[in-house]
């Protein structure tokens, strides 16, 4: 049982380190593009 808990802790630790590394080093910025939509104003 102790080995299983140690292994589980190790896997969680490696996953957390990987997630933090991906957040800092991965390209998480969204693509940007211009969107123009014509607007009709009813000024009567």
PDB file of N, CA and C in Angstrom:
ATOM      1  N   UNK A   1       0.831  -1.191   0.000  1.00  0.00           N
ATOM      2  CA  UNK A   1       0.000   0.000   0.000  1.00  0.00           C
ATOM      3  C   UNK A   1       0.872   1.251   0.000  1.00  0.00           C
ATOM      4  N   UNK A   2       1.970   1.197   0.713  1.00  0.00           N
ATOM      5  CA  UNK A   2       2.882   2.345   0.765  1.00  0.00           C
ATOM      6  C   UNK A   2       3.493   2.639  -0.594  1.00  0.00           C
ATOM      7  N   UNK A   3       3.831   1.593  -1.343  1.00  0.00           N
ATOM      8  CA  UNK A   3       4.400   1.790  -2.673  1.00  0.00           C
ATOM      9  C   UNK A   3       3.398   2.454  -3.604  1.00  0.00           C
ATOM     10  N   UNK A   4       2.145   2.040  -3.493  1.00  0.00           N
ATOM     11  CA  UNK A   4       1.102   2.609  -4.336  1.00  0.00           C
ATOM     12  C   UNK A   4       0.921   4.102  -4.043  1.00  0.00           C
ATOM     13  N   UNK A   5       0.931   4.489  -2.787  1.00  0.00           N
ATOM     14  CA  UNK A   5       0.786   5.892  -2.425  1.00  0.00           C
ATOM     15  C   UNK A   5       1.986   6.713  -2.887  1.00  0.00           C
ATOM     16  N   UNK A   6       3.187   6.159  -2.765  1.00  0.00           N
ATOM     17  CA  UNK A   6       4.377   6.846  -3.235  1.00  0.00           C
ATOM     18  C   UNK A   6       4.319   7.035  -4.749  1.00  0.00           C
ATOM     19  N   UNK A   7       3.896   5.994  -5.461  1.00  0.00           N
ATOM     20  CA  UNK A   7       3.788   6.078  -6.915  1.00  0.00           C
ATOM     21  C   UNK A   7       2.742   7.117  -7.311  1.00  0.00           C
ATOM     22  N   UNK A   8       1.605   7.118  -6.641  1.00  0.00           N
ATOM     23  CA  UNK A   8       0.547   8.079  -6.937  1.00  0.00           C
ATOM     24  C   UNK A   8       1.028   9.508  -6.670  1.00  0.00           C
ATOM     25  N   UNK A   9       1.706   9.721  -5.582  1.00  0.00           N
ATOM     26  CA  UNK A   9       2.261  11.036  -5.268  1.00  0.00           C
ATOM     27  C   UNK A   9       3.261  11.461  -6.333  1.00  0.00           C
ATOM     28  N   UNK A  10       4.100  10.546  -6.776  1.00  0.00           N
ATOM     29  CA  UNK A  10       5.094  10.830  -7.803  1.00  0.00           C
ATOM     30  C   UNK A  10       4.424  11.218  -9.122  1.00  0.00           C
ATOM     31  N   UNK A  11       3.392  10.491  -9.507  1.00  0.00           N
ATOM     32  CA  UNK A  11       2.685  10.791 -10.760  1.00  0.00           C
ATOM     33  C   UNK A  11       2.007  12.160 -10.680  1.00  0.00           C
ATOM     34  N   UNK A  12       1.383  12.470  -9.559  1.00  0.00           N
ATOM     35  CA  UNK A  12       0.739  13.775  -9.383  1.00  0.00           C
ATOM     36  C   UNK A  12       1.780  14.893  -9.424  1.00  0.00           C
ATOM     37  N   UNK A  13       2.911  14.681  -8.796  1.00  0.00           N
ATOM     38  CA  UNK A  13       3.977  15.675  -8.783  1.00  0.00           C
ATOM     39  C   UNK A  13       4.517  15.922 -10.189  1.00  0.00           C
ATOM     40  N   UNK A  14       4.778  14.871 -10.930  1.00  0.00           N
ATOM     41  CA  UNK A  14       5.273  15.018 -12.305  1.00  0.00           C
ATOM     42  C   UNK A  14       4.224  15.710 -13.173  1.00  0.00           C
ATOM     43  N   UNK A  15       2.952  15.376 -12.991  1.00  0.00           N
ATOM     44  CA  UNK A  15       1.886  16.031 -13.747  1.00  0.00           C
ATOM     45  C   UNK A  15       1.790  17.512 -13.444  1.00  0.00           C
ATOM     46  N   UNK A  16       1.927  17.876 -12.178  1.00  0.00           N
ATOM     47  CA  UNK A  16       1.863  19.290 -11.794  1.00  0.00           C
ATOM     48  C   UNK A  16       3.048  20.061 -12.379  1.00  0.00           C
ATOM     49  N   UNK A  17       4.228  19.470 -12.329  1.00  0.00           N
ATOM     50  CA  UNK A  17       5.412  20.116 -12.905  1.00  0.00           C
ATOM     51  C   UNK A  17       5.245  20.276 -14.415  1.00  0.00           C
ATOM     52  N   UNK A  18       4.716  19.261 -15.062  1.00  0.00           N
ATOM     53  CA  UNK A  18       4.475  19.343 -16.505  1.00  0.00           C
ATOM     54  C   UNK A  18       3.458  20.409 -16.855  1.00  0.00           C
ATOM     55  N   UNK A  19       2.405  20.523 -16.077  1.00  0.00           N
ATOM     56  CA  UNK A  19       1.375  21.530 -16.326  1.00  0.00           C
ATOM     57  C   UNK A  19       1.922  22.941 -16.161  1.00  0.00           C
ATOM     58  N   UNK A  20       2.701  23.162 -15.117  1.00  0.00           N
ATOM     59  CA  UNK A  20       3.307  24.477 -14.899  1.00  0.00           C
ATOM     60  C   UNK A  20       4.302  24.790 -16.018  1.00  0.00           C
ATOM     61  N   UNK A  21       5.083  23.813 -16.421  1.00  0.00           N
ATOM     62  CA  UNK A  21       6.033  24.017 -17.511  1.00  0.00           C
ATOM     63  C   UNK A  21       5.334  24.348 -18.819  1.00  0.00           C
ATOM     64  N   UNK A  22       4.243  23.670 -19.115  1.00  0.00           N
ATOM     65  CA  UNK A  22       3.497  23.943 -20.339  1.00  0.00           C
ATOM     66  C   UNK A  22       2.860  25.335 -20.284  1.00  0.00           C
ATOM     67  N   UNK A  23       2.387  25.739 -19.119  1.00  0.00           N
ATOM     68  CA  UNK A  23       1.770  27.054 -18.985  1.00  0.00           C
ATOM     69  C   UNK A  23       2.794  28.162 -19.229  1.00  0.00           C
ATOM     70  N   UNK A  24       4.025  27.963 -18.796  1.00  0.00           N
ATOM     71  CA  UNK A  24       5.050  28.986 -18.990  1.00  0.00           C
ATOM     72  C   UNK A  24       5.694  28.916 -20.364  1.00  0.00           C
ATOM     73  N   UNK A  25       5.897  27.729 -20.900  1.00  0.00           N
ATOM     74  CA  UNK A  25       6.646  27.583 -22.141  1.00  0.00           C
ATOM     75  C   UNK A  25       5.766  27.371 -23.359  1.00  0.00           C
ATOM     76  N   UNK A  26       4.551  26.907 -23.171  1.00  0.00           N
ATOM     77  CA  UNK A  26       3.653  26.653 -24.293  1.00  0.00           C
ATOM     78  C   UNK A  26       3.096  27.938 -24.862  1.00  0.00           C
ATOM     79  N   UNK A  27       2.729  27.910 -26.120  1.00  0.00           N
ATOM     80  CA  UNK A  27       2.155  29.089 -26.765  1.00  0.00           C
ATOM     81  C   UNK A  27       0.650  29.069 -26.550  1.00  0.00           C
ATOM     82  N   UNK A  28       0.190  29.803 -25.553  1.00  0.00           N
ATOM     83  CA  UNK A  28      -1.222  29.794 -25.198  1.00  0.00           C
ATOM     84  C   UNK A  28      -1.936  31.064 -25.656  1.00  0.00           C
ATOM     85  N   UNK A  29      -1.259  31.899 -26.443  1.00  0.00           N
ATOM     86  CA  UNK A  29      -1.897  33.140 -26.872  1.00  0.00           C
ATOM     87  C   UNK A  29      -2.873  32.854 -28.012  1.00  0.00           C
ATOM     88  N   UNK A  30      -4.038  33.465 -27.987  1.00  0.00           N
ATOM     89  CA  UNK A  30      -5.027  33.219 -29.042  1.00  0.00           C
ATOM     90  C   UNK A  30      -4.657  33.958 -30.326  1.00  0.00           C
ATOM     91  N   UNK A  31      -5.159  33.465 -31.446  1.00  0.00           N
ATOM     92  CA  UNK A  31      -4.956  34.144 -32.715  1.00  0.00           C
ATOM     93  C   UNK A  31      -5.786  35.423 -32.712  1.00  0.00           C
ATOM     94  N   UNK A  32      -5.205  36.484 -33.242  1.00  0.00           N
ATOM     95  CA  UNK A  32      -5.910  37.757 -33.296  1.00  0.00           C
ATOM     96  C   UNK A  32      -6.182  38.120 -34.740  1.00  0.00           C
ATOM     97  N   UNK A  33      -7.390  38.580 -35.005  1.00  0.00           N
ATOM     98  CA  UNK A  33      -7.735  39.054 -36.333  1.00  0.00           C
ATOM     99  C   UNK A  33      -8.773  40.155 -36.193  1.00  0.00           C
ATOM    100  N   UNK A  34      -8.764  41.060 -37.168  1.00  0.00           N
ATOM    101  CA  UNK A  34      -9.703  42.166 -37.158  1.00  0.00           C
ATOM    102  C   UNK A  34     -11.052  41.707 -37.687  1.00  0.00           C
ATOM    103  N   UNK A  35     -12.099  42.118 -37.021  1.00  0.00           N
ATOM    104  CA  UNK A  35     -13.457  41.816 -37.448  1.00  0.00           C
ATOM    105  C   UNK A  35     -14.209  43.134 -37.552  1.00  0.00           C
ATOM    106  N   UNK A  36     -14.720  43.411 -38.723  1.00  0.00           N
ATOM    107  CA  UNK A  36     -15.500  44.643 -38.895  1.00  0.00           C
ATOM    108  C   UNK A  36     -16.923  44.265 -39.293  1.00  0.00           C
ATOM    109  N   UNK A  37     -17.865  44.858 -38.627  1.00  0.00           N
ATOM    110  CA  UNK A  37     -19.276  44.603 -38.887  1.00  0.00           C
ATOM    111  C   UNK A  37     -19.965  45.942 -39.139  1.00  0.00           C
ATOM    112  N   UNK A  38     -20.615  46.090 -40.293  1.00  0.00           N
ATOM    113  CA  UNK A  38     -21.309  47.349 -40.551  1.00  0.00           C
ATOM    114  C   UNK A  38     -22.520  47.508 -39.628  1.00  0.00           C
ATOM    115  N   UNK A  39     -22.741  48.739 -39.202  1.00  0.00           N
ATOM    116  CA  UNK A  39     -23.839  49.025 -38.287  1.00  0.00           C
ATOM    117  C   UNK A  39     -24.722  50.094 -38.937  1.00  0.00           C
ATOM    118  N   UNK A  40     -26.016  49.832 -39.015  1.00  0.00           N
ATOM    119  CA  UNK A  40     -26.960  50.811 -39.543  1.00  0.00           C
ATOM    120  C   UNK A  40     -27.610  51.534 -38.375  1.00  0.00           C
ATOM    121  N   UNK A  41     -27.561  52.866 -38.442  1.00  0.00           N
ATOM    122  CA  UNK A  41     -28.162  53.678 -37.398  1.00  0.00           C
ATOM    123  C   UNK A  41     -29.456  54.294 -37.932  1.00  0.00           C
ATOM    124  N   UNK A  42     -30.539  54.101 -37.239  1.00  0.00           N
ATOM    125  CA  UNK A  42     -31.826  54.664 -37.639  1.00  0.00           C
ATOM    126  C   UNK A  42     -31.972  56.017 -36.943  1.00  0.00           C
ATOM    127  N   UNK A  43     -31.613  57.092 -37.677  1.00  0.00           N
ATOM    128  CA  UNK A  43     -31.596  58.423 -37.082  1.00  0.00           C
ATOM    129  C   UNK A  43     -32.776  59.267 -37.572  1.00  0.00           C
ATOM    130  N   UNK A  44     -33.933  58.682 -37.700  1.00  0.00           N
ATOM    131  CA  UNK A  44     -35.062  59.480 -38.187  1.00  0.00           C
ATOM    132  C   UNK A  44     -35.995  59.860 -37.067  1.00  0.00           C
TER     133      UNK A  44
END
